[in-house]
């Protein structure tokens, strides 16, 4: 997306409020996305550990 040089303080108040809401929503989605990534990574680490343990006991 093109970088726009806009003085936000010159925008109407309702537009500034909506922008603030959208920025908050975006930041929350980013945090949720990071959290989901870490959950998936932990799950993959658990699977890798289980595979390693199964190999160690000769079940794999």
N, C-alpha and C. Protein backbone atom coordinates (compact mmCIF):
# COMPACT_ATOMS: atom_id res chain seq x y z
N UNK A 1 0.85 -1.17 0.00
CA UNK A 1 0.00 0.00 0.00
C UNK A 1 0.90 1.23 0.00
N UNK A 2 0.48 2.25 -0.69
CA UNK A 2 1.26 3.48 -0.76
C UNK A 2 1.28 4.17 0.59
N UNK A 3 2.42 4.73 0.90
CA UNK A 3 2.56 5.48 2.14
C UNK A 3 1.98 6.87 1.92
N UNK A 4 0.95 7.21 2.68
CA UNK A 4 0.31 8.50 2.52
C UNK A 4 0.77 9.44 3.63
N UNK A 5 1.12 10.64 3.25
CA UNK A 5 1.50 11.65 4.24
C UNK A 5 0.28 12.49 4.56
N UNK A 6 -0.45 12.07 5.58
CA UNK A 6 -1.68 12.76 5.96
C UNK A 6 -1.55 13.21 7.40
N UNK A 7 -1.91 14.45 7.64
CA UNK A 7 -1.94 14.95 9.01
C UNK A 7 -3.27 14.51 9.62
N UNK A 8 -3.20 13.47 10.44
CA UNK A 8 -4.40 12.88 11.00
C UNK A 8 -5.19 13.89 11.82
N UNK A 9 -4.52 14.82 12.42
CA UNK A 9 -5.22 15.82 13.25
C UNK A 9 -6.16 16.70 12.42
N UNK A 10 -5.96 16.71 11.11
CA UNK A 10 -6.82 17.51 10.24
C UNK A 10 -8.07 16.75 9.78
N UNK A 11 -8.13 15.46 10.08
CA UNK A 11 -9.28 14.66 9.68
C UNK A 11 -10.45 14.92 10.63
N UNK A 12 -11.67 14.69 10.17
CA UNK A 12 -12.83 14.84 11.05
C UNK A 12 -12.73 13.88 12.24
N UNK A 13 -13.32 14.27 13.33
CA UNK A 13 -13.22 13.49 14.57
C UNK A 13 -13.73 12.06 14.40
N UNK A 14 -14.85 11.89 13.69
CA UNK A 14 -15.39 10.53 13.51
C UNK A 14 -14.43 9.65 12.71
N UNK A 15 -13.71 10.23 11.77
CA UNK A 15 -12.73 9.48 10.99
C UNK A 15 -11.54 9.10 11.87
N UNK A 16 -11.09 10.03 12.70
CA UNK A 16 -9.98 9.73 13.62
C UNK A 16 -10.36 8.63 14.59
N UNK A 17 -11.60 8.65 15.08
CA UNK A 17 -12.07 7.61 16.00
C UNK A 17 -12.09 6.25 15.32
N UNK A 18 -12.58 6.22 14.09
CA UNK A 18 -12.62 4.96 13.35
C UNK A 18 -11.21 4.43 13.08
N UNK A 19 -10.30 5.32 12.74
CA UNK A 19 -8.90 4.91 12.53
C UNK A 19 -8.32 4.32 13.81
N UNK A 20 -8.61 4.95 14.94
CA UNK A 20 -8.11 4.44 16.22
C UNK A 20 -8.68 3.05 16.50
N UNK A 21 -9.97 2.85 16.21
CA UNK A 21 -10.59 1.53 16.40
C UNK A 21 -9.92 0.49 15.51
N UNK A 22 -9.67 0.86 14.26
CA UNK A 22 -9.04 -0.08 13.33
C UNK A 22 -7.62 -0.42 13.74
N UNK A 23 -6.88 0.57 14.23
CA UNK A 23 -5.51 0.32 14.69
C UNK A 23 -5.51 -0.63 15.88
N UNK A 24 -6.46 -0.43 16.81
CA UNK A 24 -6.57 -1.31 17.97
C UNK A 24 -6.92 -2.73 17.53
N UNK A 25 -7.87 -2.85 16.62
CA UNK A 25 -8.28 -4.16 16.11
C UNK A 25 -7.10 -4.85 15.45
N UNK A 26 -6.35 -4.13 14.66
CA UNK A 26 -5.20 -4.70 13.99
C UNK A 26 -4.15 -5.18 14.99
N UNK A 27 -3.88 -4.37 16.01
CA UNK A 27 -2.88 -4.77 17.00
C UNK A 27 -3.34 -6.00 17.78
N UNK A 28 -4.65 -6.09 18.09
CA UNK A 28 -5.17 -7.26 18.79
C UNK A 28 -5.06 -8.50 17.92
N UNK A 29 -5.35 -8.37 16.64
CA UNK A 29 -5.23 -9.51 15.72
C UNK A 29 -3.78 -9.94 15.61
N UNK A 30 -2.86 -9.00 15.62
CA UNK A 30 -1.44 -9.34 15.55
C UNK A 30 -1.03 -10.14 16.78
N UNK A 31 -1.49 -9.70 17.94
CA UNK A 31 -1.17 -10.41 19.18
C UNK A 31 -1.77 -11.80 19.16
N UNK A 32 -3.01 -11.93 18.69
CA UNK A 32 -3.65 -13.24 18.62
C UNK A 32 -2.91 -14.13 17.64
N UNK A 33 -2.46 -13.55 16.53
CA UNK A 33 -1.72 -14.33 15.54
C UNK A 33 -0.41 -14.85 16.11
N UNK A 34 0.27 -14.03 16.87
CA UNK A 34 1.53 -14.44 17.50
C UNK A 34 1.26 -15.54 18.51
N UNK A 35 0.20 -15.38 19.29
CA UNK A 35 -0.16 -16.38 20.29
C UNK A 35 -0.47 -17.71 19.60
N UNK A 36 -1.22 -17.66 18.51
CA UNK A 36 -1.56 -18.88 17.77
C UNK A 36 -0.30 -19.54 17.24
N UNK A 37 0.63 -18.75 16.74
CA UNK A 37 1.91 -19.28 16.23
C UNK A 37 2.64 -20.03 17.33
N UNK A 38 2.70 -19.44 18.53
CA UNK A 38 3.41 -20.08 19.64
C UNK A 38 2.71 -21.36 20.08
N UNK A 39 1.39 -21.37 20.07
CA UNK A 39 0.65 -22.58 20.41
C UNK A 39 0.96 -23.69 19.41
N UNK A 40 0.98 -23.35 18.13
CA UNK A 40 1.29 -24.35 17.10
C UNK A 40 2.72 -24.85 17.26
N UNK A 41 3.63 -23.95 17.58
CA UNK A 41 5.03 -24.35 17.73
C UNK A 41 5.19 -25.31 18.91
N UNK A 42 4.49 -25.02 20.01
CA UNK A 42 4.54 -25.90 21.18
C UNK A 42 3.98 -27.27 20.82
N UNK A 43 2.87 -27.29 20.08
CA UNK A 43 2.28 -28.57 19.65
C UNK A 43 3.28 -29.36 18.81
N UNK A 44 3.96 -28.69 17.89
CA UNK A 44 4.95 -29.38 17.05
C UNK A 44 6.11 -29.90 17.87
N UNK A 45 6.52 -29.14 18.89
CA UNK A 45 7.60 -29.60 19.76
C UNK A 45 7.17 -30.83 20.55
N UNK A 46 5.91 -30.86 20.99
CA UNK A 46 5.39 -32.03 21.70
C UNK A 46 5.39 -33.24 20.79
N UNK A 47 4.95 -33.06 19.55
CA UNK A 47 4.93 -34.17 18.60
C UNK A 47 6.35 -34.68 18.35
N UNK A 48 7.29 -33.77 18.19
CA UNK A 48 8.68 -34.15 17.97
C UNK A 48 9.22 -34.92 19.17
N UNK A 49 8.86 -34.49 20.37
CA UNK A 49 9.32 -35.17 21.59
C UNK A 49 8.72 -36.58 21.66
N UNK A 50 7.44 -36.70 21.36
CA UNK A 50 6.79 -38.02 21.39
C UNK A 50 7.44 -38.95 20.36
N UNK A 51 7.70 -38.44 19.16
CA UNK A 51 8.38 -39.24 18.14
C UNK A 51 9.75 -39.70 18.63
N UNK A 52 10.49 -38.80 19.27
CA UNK A 52 11.80 -39.13 19.78
C UNK A 52 11.69 -40.22 20.85
N UNK A 53 10.70 -40.10 21.73
CA UNK A 53 10.53 -41.10 22.79
C UNK A 53 10.13 -42.45 22.21
N UNK A 54 9.27 -42.45 21.19
CA UNK A 54 8.87 -43.70 20.56
C UNK A 54 10.06 -44.38 19.88
N UNK A 55 10.92 -43.58 19.25
CA UNK A 55 12.14 -44.14 18.65
C UNK A 55 13.03 -44.73 19.71
N UNK A 56 13.13 -44.06 20.86
CA UNK A 56 14.01 -44.52 21.94
C UNK A 56 13.56 -45.86 22.50
N UNK A 57 12.26 -46.11 22.52
CA UNK A 57 11.77 -47.37 23.05
C UNK A 57 11.53 -48.40 21.94
N UNK A 58 11.88 -48.04 20.71
CA UNK A 58 11.79 -48.98 19.60
C UNK A 58 10.41 -49.18 19.04
N UNK A 59 9.53 -48.23 19.28
CA UNK A 59 8.17 -48.33 18.77
C UNK A 59 8.00 -47.62 17.44
N UNK A 60 9.04 -47.06 16.92
CA UNK A 60 8.95 -46.28 15.69
C UNK A 60 10.05 -46.69 14.75
